[in-house]
Amino acid sequence: TVRLPVLTPSGEDFSGVVVPLDAVTIGTEEQFV
C-alpha cells in the first residue's frame, strides 16, 4: 500500500474527496450533495 500526497495547482495538500459531478447540485448560493 502506497499513500501518494495530492497537491492542488497552488501546491497545497489536497485532503478532500472526488465524486461524480452528477452527485453535486450547484446553485447560485450553495453547493450540496
Full PDB file with SEQRES, HELIX, SHEET, SSBOND, CRYST1, ORIGX, SCALE, CONECT and MASTER records, all heavy atoms in Angstrom:
SEQRES   1 A   33  THR VAL ARG LEU PRO VAL LEU THR PRO SER GLY GLU ASP          
SEQRES   2 A   33  PHE SER GLY VAL VAL VAL PRO LEU ASP ALA VAL THR ILE          
SEQRES   3 A   33  GLY THR GLU GLU GLN PHE VAL                                  
HELIX    1 AA1 LEU A   21  ALA A   23  5                                   3    
SHEET    1 AA1 2 THR A  25  ILE A  26  0                                        
SHEET    2 AA1 2 GLN A  31  PHE A  32 -1                                        
CRYST1    1.000    1.000    1.000  90.00  90.00  90.00 P 1           1          
ORIGX1      1.000000  0.000000  0.000000        0.00000                         
ORIGX2      0.000000  1.000000  0.000000        0.00000                         
ORIGX3      0.000000  0.000000  1.000000        0.00000                         
SCALE1      1.000000  0.000000  0.000000        0.00000                         
SCALE2      0.000000  1.000000  0.000000        0.00000                         
SCALE3      0.000000  0.000000  1.000000        0.00000                         
ATOM      1  N   THR A   1       0.854  -1.174   0.000  1.00  0.00           N  
ATOM      2  CA  THR A   1       0.000   0.000   0.000  1.00  0.00           C  
ATOM      3  C   THR A   1       0.895   1.231   0.000  1.00  0.00           C  
ATOM      4  O   THR A   1       1.832   1.318   0.782  1.00  0.00           O  
ATOM      5  CB  THR A   1      -0.910   0.013   1.232  1.00  0.00           C  
ATOM      6  OG1 THR A   1      -1.700  -1.168   1.221  1.00  0.00           O  
ATOM      7  CG2 THR A   1      -1.813   1.232   1.240  1.00  0.00           C  
ATOM      8  N   VAL A   2       0.597   2.158  -0.899  1.00  0.00           N  
ATOM      9  CA  VAL A   2       1.388   3.380  -1.022  1.00  0.00           C  
ATOM     10  C   VAL A   2       0.440   4.561  -0.893  1.00  0.00           C  
ATOM     11  O   VAL A   2      -0.626   4.584  -1.506  1.00  0.00           O  
ATOM     12  CB  VAL A   2       2.104   3.431  -2.389  1.00  0.00           C  
ATOM     13  CG1 VAL A   2       2.886   4.721  -2.548  1.00  0.00           C  
ATOM     14  CG2 VAL A   2       3.012   2.231  -2.555  1.00  0.00           C  
ATOM     15  N   ARG A   3       0.810   5.516  -0.100  1.00  0.00           N  
ATOM     16  CA  ARG A   3      -0.001   6.726   0.043  1.00  0.00           C  
ATOM     17  C   ARG A   3       0.701   7.847  -0.713  1.00  0.00           C  
ATOM     18  O   ARG A   3       1.849   8.181  -0.441  1.00  0.00           O  
ATOM     19  CB  ARG A   3      -0.166   7.082   1.507  1.00  0.00           C  
ATOM     20  CG  ARG A   3      -1.066   8.246   1.724  1.00  0.00           C  
ATOM     21  CD  ARG A   3      -1.265   8.500   3.211  1.00  0.00           C  
ATOM     22  NE  ARG A   3      -2.207   9.562   3.364  1.00  0.00           N  
ATOM     23  CZ  ARG A   3      -3.444   9.414   3.752  1.00  0.00           C  
ATOM     24  NH1 ARG A   3      -3.891   8.228   4.054  1.00  0.00           N  
ATOM     25  NH2 ARG A   3      -4.252  10.440   3.857  1.00  0.00           N  
ATOM     26  N   LEU A   4       0.003   8.403  -1.694  1.00  0.00           N  
ATOM     27  CA  LEU A   4       0.555   9.477  -2.504  1.00  0.00           C  
ATOM     28  C   LEU A   4      -0.120  10.788  -2.142  1.00  0.00           C  
ATOM     29  O   LEU A   4      -1.344  10.908  -2.243  1.00  0.00           O  
ATOM     30  CB  LEU A   4       0.330   9.201  -3.993  1.00  0.00           C  
ATOM     31  CG  LEU A   4       0.979   7.949  -4.566  1.00  0.00           C  
ATOM     32  CD1 LEU A   4       0.537   7.738  -6.000  1.00  0.00           C  
ATOM     33  CD2 LEU A   4       2.478   8.058  -4.481  1.00  0.00           C  
ATOM     34  N   PRO A   5       0.637  11.786  -1.734  1.00  0.00           N  
ATOM     35  CA  PRO A   5       0.009  13.081  -1.472  1.00  0.00           C  
ATOM     36  C   PRO A   5      -0.432  13.710  -2.793  1.00  0.00           C  
ATOM     37  O   PRO A   5       0.255  13.594  -3.800  1.00  0.00           O  
ATOM     38  CB  PRO A   5       1.115  13.901  -0.817  1.00  0.00           C  
ATOM     39  CG  PRO A   5       2.374  13.251  -1.265  1.00  0.00           C  
ATOM     40  CD  PRO A   5       2.057  11.797  -1.499  1.00  0.00           C  
ATOM     41  N   VAL A   6      -1.584  14.330  -2.786  1.00  0.00           N  
ATOM     42  CA  VAL A   6      -2.101  15.000  -3.970  1.00  0.00           C  
ATOM     43  C   VAL A   6      -2.043  16.490  -3.701  1.00  0.00           C  
ATOM     44  O   VAL A   6      -2.484  16.961  -2.656  1.00  0.00           O  
ATOM     45  CB  VAL A   6      -3.551  14.556  -4.272  1.00  0.00           C  
ATOM     46  CG1 VAL A   6      -4.087  15.307  -5.470  1.00  0.00           C  
ATOM     47  CG2 VAL A   6      -3.599  13.059  -4.492  1.00  0.00           C  
ATOM     48  N   LEU A   7      -1.468  17.230  -4.628  1.00  0.00           N  
ATOM     49  CA  LEU A   7      -1.339  18.665  -4.457  1.00  0.00           C  
ATOM     50  C   LEU A   7      -2.300  19.397  -5.374  1.00  0.00           C  
ATOM     51  O   LEU A   7      -2.561  18.966  -6.486  1.00  0.00           O  
ATOM     52  CB  LEU A   7       0.091  19.115  -4.756  1.00  0.00           C  
ATOM     53  CG  LEU A   7       1.192  18.474  -3.913  1.00  0.00           C  
ATOM     54  CD1 LEU A   7       2.554  18.989  -4.369  1.00  0.00           C  
ATOM     55  CD2 LEU A   7       0.978  18.749  -2.442  1.00  0.00           C  
ATOM     56  N   THR A   8      -2.830  20.495  -4.874  1.00  0.00           N  
ATOM     57  CA  THR A   8      -3.666  21.359  -5.691  1.00  0.00           C  
ATOM     58  C   THR A   8      -2.759  22.131  -6.646  1.00  0.00           C  
ATOM     59  O   THR A   8      -1.536  22.144  -6.472  1.00  0.00           O  
ATOM     60  CB  THR A   8      -4.457  22.352  -4.811  1.00  0.00           C  
ATOM     61  OG1 THR A   8      -3.516  23.216  -4.159  1.00  0.00           O  
ATOM     62  CG2 THR A   8      -5.319  21.636  -3.792  1.00  0.00           C  
ATOM     63  N   PRO A   9      -3.333  22.795  -7.657  1.00  0.00           N  
ATOM     64  CA  PRO A   9      -2.489  23.570  -8.573  1.00  0.00           C  
ATOM     65  C   PRO A   9      -1.633  24.622  -7.859  1.00  0.00           C  
ATOM     66  O   PRO A   9      -0.566  24.973  -8.327  1.00  0.00           O  
ATOM     67  CB  PRO A   9      -3.504  24.227  -9.514  1.00  0.00           C  
ATOM     68  CG  PRO A   9      -4.640  23.271  -9.528  1.00  0.00           C  
ATOM     69  CD  PRO A   9      -4.713  22.742  -8.108  1.00  0.00           C  
ATOM     70  N   SER A  10      -2.083  25.092  -6.679  1.00  0.00           N  
ATOM     71  CA  SER A  10      -1.295  26.090  -5.947  1.00  0.00           C  
ATOM     72  C   SER A  10      -0.204  25.448  -5.103  1.00  0.00           C  
ATOM     73  O   SER A  10       0.550  26.126  -4.429  1.00  0.00           O  
ATOM     74  CB  SER A  10      -2.209  26.926  -5.055  1.00  0.00           C  
ATOM     75  OG  SER A  10      -2.797  26.100  -4.060  1.00  0.00           O  
ATOM     76  N   GLY A  11      -0.119  24.103  -5.106  1.00  0.00           N  
ATOM     77  CA  GLY A  11       0.925  23.411  -4.364  1.00  0.00           C  
ATOM     78  C   GLY A  11       0.525  22.997  -2.960  1.00  0.00           C  
ATOM     79  O   GLY A  11       1.321  22.445  -2.219  1.00  0.00           O  
ATOM     80  N   GLU A  12      -0.730  23.242  -2.560  1.00  0.00           N  
ATOM     81  CA  GLU A  12      -1.188  22.859  -1.225  1.00  0.00           C  
ATOM     82  C   GLU A  12      -1.641  21.406  -1.235  1.00  0.00           C  
ATOM     83  O   GLU A  12      -2.068  20.878  -2.260  1.00  0.00           O  
ATOM     84  CB  GLU A  12      -2.375  23.733  -0.804  1.00  0.00           C  
ATOM     85  CG  GLU A  12      -2.047  25.211  -0.719  1.00  0.00           C  
ATOM     86  CD  GLU A  12      -3.282  26.044  -0.444  1.00  0.00           C  
ATOM     87  OE1 GLU A  12      -4.183  25.561   0.248  1.00  0.00           O  
ATOM     88  OE2 GLU A  12      -3.341  27.177  -0.929  1.00  0.00           O  
ATOM     89  N   ASP A  13      -1.556  20.745  -0.064  1.00  0.00           N  
ATOM     90  CA  ASP A  13      -2.067  19.379   0.056  1.00  0.00           C  
ATOM     91  C   ASP A  13      -3.559  19.374  -0.192  1.00  0.00           C  
ATOM     92  O   ASP A  13      -4.283  20.241   0.277  1.00  0.00           O  
ATOM     93  CB  ASP A  13      -1.810  18.808   1.450  1.00  0.00           C  
ATOM     94  CG  ASP A  13      -0.387  18.304   1.613  1.00  0.00           C  
ATOM     95  OD1 ASP A  13       0.229  17.984   0.591  1.00  0.00           O  
ATOM     96  OD2 ASP A  13       0.083  18.248   2.753  1.00  0.00           O  
ATOM     97  N   PHE A  14      -4.037  18.381  -0.947  1.00  0.00           N  
ATOM     98  CA  PHE A  14      -5.466  18.203  -1.178  1.00  0.00           C  
ATOM     99  C   PHE A  14      -5.940  17.064  -0.297  1.00  0.00           C  
ATOM    100  O   PHE A  14      -5.508  15.948  -0.441  1.00  0.00           O  
ATOM    101  CB  PHE A  14      -5.746  17.871  -2.648  1.00  0.00           C  
ATOM    102  CG  PHE A  14      -7.166  17.487  -2.900  1.00  0.00           C  
ATOM    103  CD1 PHE A  14      -8.170  18.414  -2.816  1.00  0.00           C  
ATOM    104  CD2 PHE A  14      -7.505  16.172  -3.193  1.00  0.00           C  
ATOM    105  CE1 PHE A  14      -9.483  18.061  -3.045  1.00  0.00           C  
ATOM    106  CE2 PHE A  14      -8.804  15.811  -3.414  1.00  0.00           C  
ATOM    107  CZ  PHE A  14      -9.799  16.754  -3.338  1.00  0.00           C  
ATOM    108  N   SER A  15      -6.805  17.362   0.659  1.00  0.00           N  
ATOM    109  CA  SER A  15      -7.268  16.329   1.580  1.00  0.00           C  
ATOM    110  C   SER A  15      -8.754  16.034   1.394  1.00  0.00           C  
ATOM    111  O   SER A  15      -9.355  15.361   2.202  1.00  0.00           O  
ATOM    112  CB  SER A  15      -7.005  16.762   3.022  1.00  0.00           C  
ATOM    113  OG  SER A  15      -7.663  17.989   3.293  1.00  0.00           O  
ATOM    114  N   GLY A  16      -9.346  16.554   0.335  1.00  0.00           N  
ATOM    115  CA  GLY A  16     -10.758  16.333   0.081  1.00  0.00           C  
ATOM    116  C   GLY A  16     -11.004  15.013  -0.622  1.00  0.00           C  
ATOM    117  O   GLY A  16     -10.163  14.129  -0.645  1.00  0.00           O  
ATOM    118  N   VAL A  17     -12.188  14.886  -1.199  1.00  0.00           N  
ATOM    119  CA  VAL A  17     -12.557  13.683  -1.938  1.00  0.00           C  
ATOM    120  C   VAL A  17     -13.014  14.099  -3.330  1.00  0.00           C  
ATOM    121  O   VAL A  17     -13.317  15.257  -3.576  1.00  0.00           O  
ATOM    122  CB  VAL A  17     -13.667  12.888  -1.213  1.00  0.00           C  
ATOM    123  CG1 VAL A  17     -13.176  12.361   0.121  1.00  0.00           C  
ATOM    124  CG2 VAL A  17     -14.910  13.735  -0.999  1.00  0.00           C  
ATOM    125  N   VAL A  18     -13.058  13.133  -4.227  1.00  0.00           N  
ATOM    126  CA  VAL A  18     -13.510  13.379  -5.591  1.00  0.00           C  
ATOM    127  C   VAL A  18     -14.754  12.539  -5.819  1.00  0.00           C  
ATOM    128  O   VAL A  18     -14.778  11.354  -5.487  1.00  0.00           O  
ATOM    129  CB  VAL A  18     -12.411  13.016  -6.604  1.00  0.00           C  
ATOM    130  CG1 VAL A  18     -12.892  13.229  -8.027  1.00  0.00           C  
ATOM    131  CG2 VAL A  18     -11.154  13.825  -6.343  1.00  0.00           C  
ATOM    132  N   VAL A  19     -15.809  13.155  -6.337  1.00  0.00           N  
ATOM    133  CA  VAL A  19     -17.088  12.474  -6.547  1.00  0.00           C  
ATOM    134  C   VAL A  19     -17.574  12.724  -7.970  1.00  0.00           C  
ATOM    135  O   VAL A  19     -17.121  13.661  -8.629  1.00  0.00           O  
ATOM    136  CB  VAL A  19     -18.159  12.952  -5.537  1.00  0.00           C  
ATOM    137  CG1 VAL A  19     -17.707  12.724  -4.101  1.00  0.00           C  
ATOM    138  CG2 VAL A  19     -18.513  14.418  -5.750  1.00  0.00           C  
ATOM    139  N   PRO A  20     -18.528  11.905  -8.436  1.00  0.00           N  
ATOM    140  CA  PRO A  20     -19.111  12.180  -9.753  1.00  0.00           C  
ATOM    141  C   PRO A  20     -19.800  13.547  -9.760  1.00  0.00           C  
ATOM    142  O   PRO A  20     -20.470  13.922  -8.798  1.00  0.00           O  
ATOM    143  CB  PRO A  20     -20.133  11.053  -9.935  1.00  0.00           C  
ATOM    144  CG  PRO A  20     -19.679   9.972  -9.019  1.00  0.00           C  
ATOM    145  CD  PRO A  20     -19.054  10.676  -7.854  1.00  0.00           C  
ATOM    146  N   LEU A  21     -19.627  14.273 -10.831  1.00  0.00           N  
ATOM    147  CA  LEU A  21     -20.233  15.597 -10.967  1.00  0.00           C  
ATOM    148  C   LEU A  21     -21.750  15.530 -10.837  1.00  0.00           C  
ATOM    149  O   LEU A  21     -22.384  16.441 -10.303  1.00  0.00           O  
ATOM    150  CB  LEU A  21     -19.818  16.205 -12.315  1.00  0.00           C  
ATOM    151  CG  LEU A  21     -20.075  17.674 -12.558  1.00  0.00           C  
ATOM    152  CD1 LEU A  21     -19.490  18.543 -11.461  1.00  0.00           C  
ATOM    153  CD2 LEU A  21     -19.495  18.092 -13.890  1.00  0.00           C  
ATOM    154  N   ASP A  22     -22.359  14.421 -11.289  1.00  0.00           N  
ATOM    155  CA  ASP A  22     -23.817  14.260 -11.206  1.00  0.00           C  
ATOM    156  C   ASP A  22     -24.327  14.207  -9.775  1.00  0.00           C  
ATOM    157  O   ASP A  22     -25.524  14.390  -9.533  1.00  0.00           O  
ATOM    158  CB  ASP A  22     -24.260  12.994 -11.931  1.00  0.00           C  
ATOM    159  CG  ASP A  22     -24.130  13.106 -13.440  1.00  0.00           C  
ATOM    160  OD1 ASP A  22     -24.023  14.251 -13.939  1.00  0.00           O  
ATOM    161  OD2 ASP A  22     -24.142  12.068 -14.113  1.00  0.00           O  
ATOM    162  N   ALA A  23     -23.459  13.956  -8.796  1.00  0.00           N  
ATOM    163  CA  ALA A  23     -23.885  13.866  -7.403  1.00  0.00           C  
ATOM    164  C   ALA A  23     -24.018  15.237  -6.752  1.00  0.00           C  
ATOM    165  O   ALA A  23     -24.616  15.368  -5.681  1.00  0.00           O  
ATOM    166  CB  ALA A  23     -22.895  13.024  -6.600  1.00  0.00           C  
ATOM    167  N   VAL A  24     -23.482  16.275  -7.390  1.00  0.00           N  
ATOM    168  CA  VAL A  24     -23.427  17.604  -6.784  1.00  0.00           C  
ATOM    169  C   VAL A  24     -24.475  18.520  -7.406  1.00  0.00           C  
ATOM    170  O   VAL A  24     -24.589  18.598  -8.630  1.00  0.00           O  
ATOM    171  CB  VAL A  24     -22.030  18.227  -6.954  1.00  0.00           C  
ATOM    172  CG1 VAL A  24     -21.952  19.586  -6.276  1.00  0.00           C  
ATOM    173  CG2 VAL A  24     -20.958  17.295  -6.410  1.00  0.00           C  
ATOM    174  N   THR A  25     -25.225  19.192  -6.548  1.00  0.00           N  
ATOM    175  CA  THR A  25     -26.145  20.231  -7.009  1.00  0.00           C  
ATOM    176  C   THR A  25     -25.448  21.563  -6.787  1.00  0.00           C  
ATOM    177  O   THR A  25     -25.047  21.879  -5.662  1.00  0.00           O  
ATOM    178  CB  THR A  25     -27.474  20.182  -6.241  1.00  0.00           C  
ATOM    179  OG1 THR A  25     -28.076  18.906  -6.457  1.00  0.00           O  
ATOM    180  CG2 THR A  25     -28.413  21.282  -6.703  1.00  0.00           C  
ATOM    181  N   ILE A  26     -25.289  22.320  -7.868  1.00  0.00           N  
ATOM    182  CA  ILE A  26     -24.577  23.588  -7.804  1.00  0.00           C  
ATOM    183  C   ILE A  26     -25.581  24.708  -8.038  1.00  0.00           C  
ATOM    184  O   ILE A  26     -26.110  24.855  -9.137  1.00  0.00           O  
ATOM    185  CB  ILE A  26     -23.449  23.636  -8.851  1.00  0.00           C  
ATOM    186  CG1 ILE A  26     -22.479  22.472  -8.620  1.00  0.00           C  
ATOM    187  CG2 ILE A  26     -22.727  24.979  -8.805  1.00  0.00           C  
ATOM    188  CD1 ILE A  26     -21.428  22.307  -9.700  1.00  0.00           C  
ATOM    189  N   GLY A  27     -25.859  25.458  -6.975  1.00  0.00           N  
ATOM    190  CA  GLY A  27     -26.783  26.580  -7.060  1.00  0.00           C  
ATOM    191  C   GLY A  27     -26.038  27.896  -7.007  1.00  0.00           C  
ATOM    192  O   GLY A  27     -24.814  27.936  -6.898  1.00  0.00           O  
ATOM    193  N   THR A  28     -26.778  28.983  -7.067  1.00  0.00           N  
ATOM    194  CA  THR A  28     -26.137  30.295  -7.028  1.00  0.00           C  
ATOM    195  C   THR A  28     -25.650  30.649  -5.624  1.00  0.00           C  
ATOM    196  O   THR A  28     -24.708  31.416  -5.472  1.00  0.00           O  
ATOM    197  CB  THR A  28     -27.104  31.389  -7.513  1.00  0.00           C  
ATOM    198  OG1 THR A  28     -28.289  31.342  -6.712  1.00  0.00           O  
ATOM    199  CG2 THR A  28     -27.446  31.197  -8.973  1.00  0.00           C  
ATOM    200  N   GLU A  29     -26.288  30.094  -4.594  1.00  0.00           N  
ATOM    201  CA  GLU A  29     -25.906  30.430  -3.230  1.00  0.00           C  
ATOM    202  C   GLU A  29     -25.333  29.265  -2.442  1.00  0.00           C  
ATOM    203  O   GLU A  29     -24.761  29.464  -1.376  1.00  0.00           O  
ATOM    204  CB  GLU A  29     -27.101  31.018  -2.486  1.00  0.00           C  
ATOM    205  CG  GLU A  29     -27.562  32.329  -3.096  1.00  0.00           C  
ATOM    206  CD  GLU A  29     -28.676  32.978  -2.307  1.00  0.00           C  
ATOM    207  OE1 GLU A  29     -28.852  32.624  -1.126  1.00  0.00           O  
ATOM    208  OE2 GLU A  29     -29.366  33.835  -2.868  1.00  0.00           O  
ATOM    209  N   GLU A  30     -25.511  28.038  -2.925  1.00  0.00           N  
ATOM    210  CA  GLU A  30     -24.993  26.885  -2.194  1.00  0.00           C  
ATOM    211  C   GLU A  30     -24.707  25.732  -3.148  1.00  0.00           C  
ATOM    212  O   GLU A  30     -25.256  25.660  -4.234  1.00  0.00           O  
ATOM    213  CB  GLU A  30     -25.972  26.432  -1.108  1.00  0.00           C  
ATOM    214  CG  GLU A  30     -27.293  25.929  -1.642  1.00  0.00           C  
ATOM    215  CD  GLU A  30     -28.246  25.495  -0.544  1.00  0.00           C  
ATOM    216  OE1 GLU A  30     -27.879  25.454   0.632  1.00  0.00           O  
ATOM    217  OE2 GLU A  30     -29.399  25.191  -0.893  1.00  0.00           O  
ATOM    218  N   GLN A  31     -23.817  24.868  -2.702  1.00  0.00           N  
ATOM    219  CA  GLN A  31     -23.495  23.639  -3.412  1.00  0.00           C  
ATOM    220  C   GLN A  31     -23.675  22.520  -2.394  1.00  0.00           C  
ATOM    221  O   GLN A  31     -23.233  22.645  -1.251  1.00  0.00           O  
ATOM    222  CB  GLN A  31     -22.047  23.638  -3.921  1.00  0.00           C  
ATOM    223  CG  GLN A  31     -21.745  24.726  -4.922  1.00  0.00           C  
ATOM    224  CD  GLN A  31     -21.452  26.068  -4.293  1.00  0.00           C  
ATOM    225  OE1 GLN A  31     -20.795  26.156  -3.284  1.00  0.00           O  
ATOM    226  NE2 GLN A  31     -21.964  27.133  -4.892  1.00  0.00           N  
ATOM    227  N   PHE A  32     -24.303  21.420  -2.821  1.00  0.00           N  
ATOM    228  CA  PHE A  32     -24.559  20.362  -1.856  1.00  0.00           C  
ATOM    229  C   PHE A  32     -24.644  19.006  -2.521  1.00  0.00           C  
ATOM    230  O   PHE A  32     -24.812  18.893  -3.733  1.00  0.00           O  
ATOM    231  CB  PHE A  32     -25.842  20.631  -1.051  1.00  0.00           C  
ATOM    232  CG  PHE A  32     -27.089  20.758  -1.886  1.00  0.00           C  
ATOM    233  CD1 PHE A  32     -27.857  19.648  -2.195  1.00  0.00           C  
ATOM    234  CD2 PHE A  32     -27.503  21.992  -2.356  1.00  0.00           C  
ATOM    235  CE1 PHE A  32     -29.008  19.763  -2.956  1.00  0.00           C  
ATOM    236  CE2 PHE A  32     -28.652  22.128  -3.115  1.00  0.00           C  
ATOM    237  CZ  PHE A  32     -29.413  20.999  -3.417  1.00  0.00           C  
ATOM    238  N   VAL A  33     -24.492  17.984  -1.677  1.00  0.00           N  
ATOM    239  CA  VAL A  33     -24.714  16.590  -2.061  1.00  0.00           C  
ATOM    240  C   VAL A  33     -25.689  16.019  -1.049  1.00  0.00           C  
ATOM    241  O   VAL A  33     -25.943  16.613   0.002  1.00  0.00           O  
ATOM    242  CB  VAL A  33     -23.397  15.762  -2.057  1.00  0.00           C  
ATOM    243  CG1 VAL A  33     -22.420  16.287  -3.085  1.00  0.00           C  
ATOM    244  CG2 VAL A  33     -22.771  15.702  -0.683  1.00  0.00           C  
TER     245      VAL A  33                                                      
MASTER        0    0    0    1    2    0    0    6  244    1    0    3          
END                                                                             
